[in-house]
Amino acid sequence: MIAYLRGTIDTLTPTNAYVDCSGVGYDVNISLSTYDTLHGLERDAPVRLWITEVMRQGEVCDLYGFYTREEQALFTKLITVSGVGPATARVILSSLAPLELAEVIESGDDKRLKMVKGIGLKTAQRIIVDLKGKLPETLTDRDDVTAGIGSRAAREVAEEAISALKMLGFAEVNVRKVVKQIMSVKPDTPVEQVIKQALAKL
């Protein structure tokens, strides 16, 4: 199973990214949110896309890529809802930012969700019933470090730092508090420096 792809973007469209990983090209389905982020990067800049593999027709595997793990988590949850396939999930994520979608689900705002192209009232209500209260804390806790940082790049750095520090054995609650303090002072701090500063505080 592919966890993520790291490489450069060879070709980019609003629906697909061709990722060159050491000479091997991968055709990855993306949302408009991920497209906007990738489109804003410098050409040949190294990128990492978090990958979810979806099987169709028994043997064909489609790759769906996301710039943030927040968006990937929502996609994975959405496709568990009856009547919501990967194409529909991508449309939803192209219409609503991850935190906005999480807020819509948690508040039960089926009218807002129904405004997404192709989503009827019954499907909107089913999404809310099935997913309300089941989303990751990073999407529903407004005080969470990644929710409190504006840019996607900064949230990605925070997530990387938190994951690395947890792997080193530090308690998640302490890690999140320290990383939030560091990122609040300087949101553009490189992940290596965030980890180094956090280790000095933990």
Protein backbone atom coordinates (compact mmCIF):
# COMPACT_ATOMS: atom_id res chain seq x y z
CA MET A 1 0.00 0.00 0.00
CA ILE A 2 1.26 3.48 -0.89
CA ALA A 3 1.26 5.88 2.09
CA TYR A 4 2.53 8.92 0.22
CA LEU A 5 4.39 9.97 -2.91
CA ARG A 6 7.33 12.35 -2.74
CA GLY A 7 8.65 13.85 -5.95
CA THR A 8 8.04 16.67 -8.41
CA ILE A 9 4.97 17.56 -10.43
CA ASP A 10 5.43 16.80 -14.12
CA THR A 11 1.92 17.76 -15.25
CA LEU A 12 -0.83 19.45 -13.27
CA THR A 13 -4.53 19.86 -14.07
CA PRO A 14 -7.46 20.78 -11.79
CA THR A 15 -8.31 17.07 -11.46
CA ASN A 16 -5.00 15.22 -11.77
CA ALA A 17 -1.33 15.51 -10.88
CA TYR A 18 1.38 13.49 -12.59
CA VAL A 19 4.00 12.97 -9.90
CA ASP A 20 7.55 12.08 -10.99
CA CYS A 21 9.18 9.94 -8.31
CA SER A 22 12.75 9.13 -9.36
CA GLY A 23 11.75 8.68 -12.99
CA VAL A 24 8.51 6.80 -12.31
CA GLY A 25 5.33 8.76 -13.04
CA TYR A 26 2.14 8.35 -11.02
CA ASP A 27 -1.27 9.60 -12.17
CA VAL A 28 -2.94 10.94 -9.03
CA ASN A 29 -6.51 12.20 -8.71
CA ILE A 30 -6.67 15.45 -6.73
CA SER A 31 -9.23 17.95 -5.43
CA LEU A 32 -9.33 21.62 -6.34
CA SER A 33 -7.99 22.42 -2.88
CA THR A 34 -4.86 20.35 -3.47
CA TYR A 35 -4.62 21.71 -7.02
CA ASP A 36 -4.63 25.31 -5.76
CA THR A 37 -1.81 24.52 -3.34
CA LEU A 38 0.31 22.68 -5.91
CA HIS A 39 -0.33 25.36 -8.53
CA GLY A 40 1.11 27.96 -6.18
CA LEU A 41 4.42 26.14 -5.73
CA GLU A 42 7.55 26.80 -7.74
CA ARG A 43 8.11 24.57 -10.73
CA ASP A 44 10.09 21.41 -9.87
CA ALA A 45 9.65 22.05 -6.15
CA PRO A 46 9.61 18.77 -4.20
CA VAL A 47 6.14 17.85 -2.99
CA ARG A 48 4.54 15.11 -0.93
CA LEU A 49 1.02 13.86 -1.53
CA TRP A 50 -0.72 11.62 0.99
CA ILE A 51 -2.24 8.74 -0.95
CA THR A 52 -5.45 6.76 -0.61
CA GLU A 53 -5.82 3.82 -2.96
CA VAL A 54 -9.31 2.99 -4.24
CA MET A 55 -10.05 -0.23 -6.09
CA ARG A 56 -12.53 -0.17 -8.95
CA GLN A 57 -13.79 -2.91 -11.23
CA GLY A 58 -12.05 -5.45 -9.06
CA GLU A 59 -8.49 -4.99 -10.28
CA VAL A 60 -7.86 -1.36 -11.26
CA CYS A 61 -6.43 0.81 -8.47
CA ASP A 62 -6.95 4.57 -8.58
CA LEU A 63 -4.71 6.88 -6.57
CA TYR A 64 -6.20 9.88 -4.77
CA GLY A 65 -3.67 12.36 -3.44
CA PHE A 66 -3.98 15.09 -0.84
CA TYR A 67 -1.64 17.87 0.20
CA THR A 68 -2.73 17.62 3.84
CA ARG A 69 -3.65 14.68 6.02
CA GLU A 70 -6.75 16.58 7.10
CA GLU A 71 -8.16 16.40 3.60
CA GLN A 72 -7.13 12.77 3.24
CA ALA A 73 -8.86 11.87 6.51
CA LEU A 74 -12.10 13.46 5.33
CA PHE A 75 -11.91 11.69 1.97
CA THR A 76 -11.41 8.34 3.70
CA LYS A 77 -14.43 9.00 5.94
CA LEU A 78 -16.64 10.25 3.11
CA ILE A 79 -16.22 7.16 0.95
CA THR A 80 -17.48 4.97 3.80
CA VAL A 81 -20.90 6.64 3.51
CA SER A 82 -23.41 4.72 1.40
CA GLY A 83 -23.92 6.46 -1.94
CA VAL A 84 -20.73 8.52 -1.71
CA GLY A 85 -18.01 7.22 -4.02
CA PRO A 86 -14.53 8.65 -4.52
CA ALA A 87 -15.65 10.95 -7.34
CA THR A 88 -18.39 12.46 -5.18
CA ALA A 89 -16.04 12.77 -2.21
CA ARG A 90 -13.58 14.66 -4.40
CA VAL A 91 -16.33 17.06 -5.53
CA ILE A 92 -17.24 17.74 -1.91
CA LEU A 93 -13.62 18.41 -0.97
CA SER A 94 -13.25 20.65 -4.02
CA SER A 95 -16.20 22.72 -2.80
CA LEU A 96 -15.47 22.93 0.93
CA ALA A 97 -12.16 23.34 2.75
CA PRO A 98 -11.43 20.55 5.28
CA LEU A 99 -12.16 22.62 8.39
CA GLU A 100 -15.27 24.10 6.77
CA LEU A 101 -16.58 20.65 5.83
CA ALA A 102 -15.89 19.35 9.33
CA GLU A 103 -17.83 22.27 10.80
CA VAL A 104 -20.74 21.63 8.40
CA ILE A 105 -20.88 17.98 9.45
CA GLU A 106 -20.55 18.61 13.19
CA SER A 107 -23.17 21.38 13.14
CA GLY A 108 -25.58 19.28 11.05
CA ASP A 109 -25.82 21.93 8.34
CA ASP A 110 -27.41 19.76 5.62
CA LYS A 111 -28.50 22.84 3.66
CA ARG A 112 -24.90 23.97 3.22
CA LEU A 113 -23.81 20.48 2.24
CA LYS A 114 -26.69 20.20 -0.23
CA MET A 115 -25.28 23.21 -2.09
CA VAL A 116 -22.42 21.02 -3.33
CA LYS A 117 -23.01 19.95 -6.92
CA GLY A 118 -24.52 16.46 -7.11
CA ILE A 119 -25.39 16.24 -3.41
CA GLY A 120 -29.10 15.87 -2.66
CA LEU A 121 -30.77 16.36 0.70
CA LYS A 122 -30.87 12.64 1.54
CA THR A 123 -27.18 12.20 0.78
CA ALA A 124 -26.30 15.32 2.77
CA GLN A 125 -28.27 14.05 5.75
CA ARG A 126 -26.71 10.59 5.47
CA ILE A 127 -23.21 12.08 5.48
CA ILE A 128 -24.00 14.05 8.62
CA VAL A 129 -25.65 11.11 10.42
CA ASP A 130 -22.82 8.72 9.55
CA LEU A 131 -19.87 11.04 10.24
CA LYS A 132 -20.96 13.43 12.98
CA GLY A 133 -18.84 12.81 16.04
CA LYS A 134 -16.51 10.48 14.14
CA LEU A 135 -14.09 12.95 12.57
CA PRO A 136 -10.46 13.24 13.75
CA GLU A 137 -9.90 15.69 16.61
CA THR A 138 -7.56 17.75 14.44
CA LEU A 139 -10.61 18.67 12.36
CA THR A 140 -13.13 19.24 15.12
CA ASP A 141 -11.07 20.74 17.95
CA ARG A 142 -10.87 24.45 17.14
CA ASP A 143 -8.05 24.85 19.68
CA ASP A 144 -5.93 22.19 18.00
CA VAL A 145 -2.55 23.33 16.75
CA THR A 146 -3.22 22.52 13.10
CA ALA A 147 -6.63 24.16 13.18
CA GLY A 148 -5.14 27.33 14.57
CA ILE A 149 -2.52 27.79 11.86
CA GLY A 150 -3.60 29.55 8.71
CA SER A 151 -1.58 28.25 5.78
CA ARG A 152 -1.66 24.67 4.57
CA ALA A 153 2.15 24.60 4.49
CA ALA A 154 2.35 25.57 8.16
CA ARG A 155 -0.26 22.97 9.13
CA GLU A 156 1.73 20.36 7.24
CA VAL A 157 4.87 21.30 9.19
CA ALA A 158 2.96 21.09 12.47
CA GLU A 159 1.58 17.66 11.60
CA GLU A 160 5.05 16.37 10.66
CA ALA A 161 6.56 17.66 13.88
CA ILE A 162 3.78 16.19 16.01
CA SER A 163 4.08 12.79 14.32
CA ALA A 164 7.86 12.73 14.74
CA LEU A 165 7.71 13.70 18.42
CA LYS A 166 5.02 11.11 19.15
CA MET A 167 7.23 8.46 17.55
CA LEU A 168 9.97 9.48 19.98
CA GLY A 169 7.66 8.55 22.83
CA PHE A 170 6.33 11.91 23.99
CA ALA A 171 2.70 12.20 25.09
CA GLU A 172 0.48 13.65 22.37
CA VAL A 173 -1.22 16.19 24.64
CA ASN A 174 2.16 17.67 25.64
CA VAL A 175 3.48 17.57 22.08
CA ARG A 176 0.50 19.46 20.68
CA LYS A 177 0.74 22.14 23.35
CA VAL A 178 4.45 22.75 22.73
CA VAL A 179 4.21 22.69 18.93
CA LYS A 180 1.30 25.14 19.08
CA GLN A 181 3.39 27.54 21.16
CA ILE A 182 6.29 27.36 18.70
CA MET A 183 4.17 27.73 15.57
CA SER A 184 2.14 30.58 17.07
CA VAL A 185 5.29 32.67 17.45
CA LYS A 186 6.67 31.90 13.99
CA PRO A 187 4.35 29.93 11.64
CA ASP A 188 7.02 29.59 8.94
CA THR A 189 9.48 27.72 11.19
CA PRO A 190 10.98 24.71 9.31
CA VAL A 191 9.92 21.31 10.64
CA GLU A 192 13.49 20.49 11.75
CA GLN A 193 13.59 23.62 13.92
CA VAL A 194 10.11 22.95 15.32
CA ILE A 195 11.22 19.49 16.44
CA LYS A 196 14.52 20.81 17.86
CA GLN A 197 12.78 23.57 19.83
CA ALA A 198 10.09 21.18 21.02
CA LEU A 199 12.67 18.70 22.30
CA ALA A 200 14.18 21.47 24.41
CA LYS A 201 10.79 22.20 25.98
CA LEU A 202 9.46 18.67 26.50
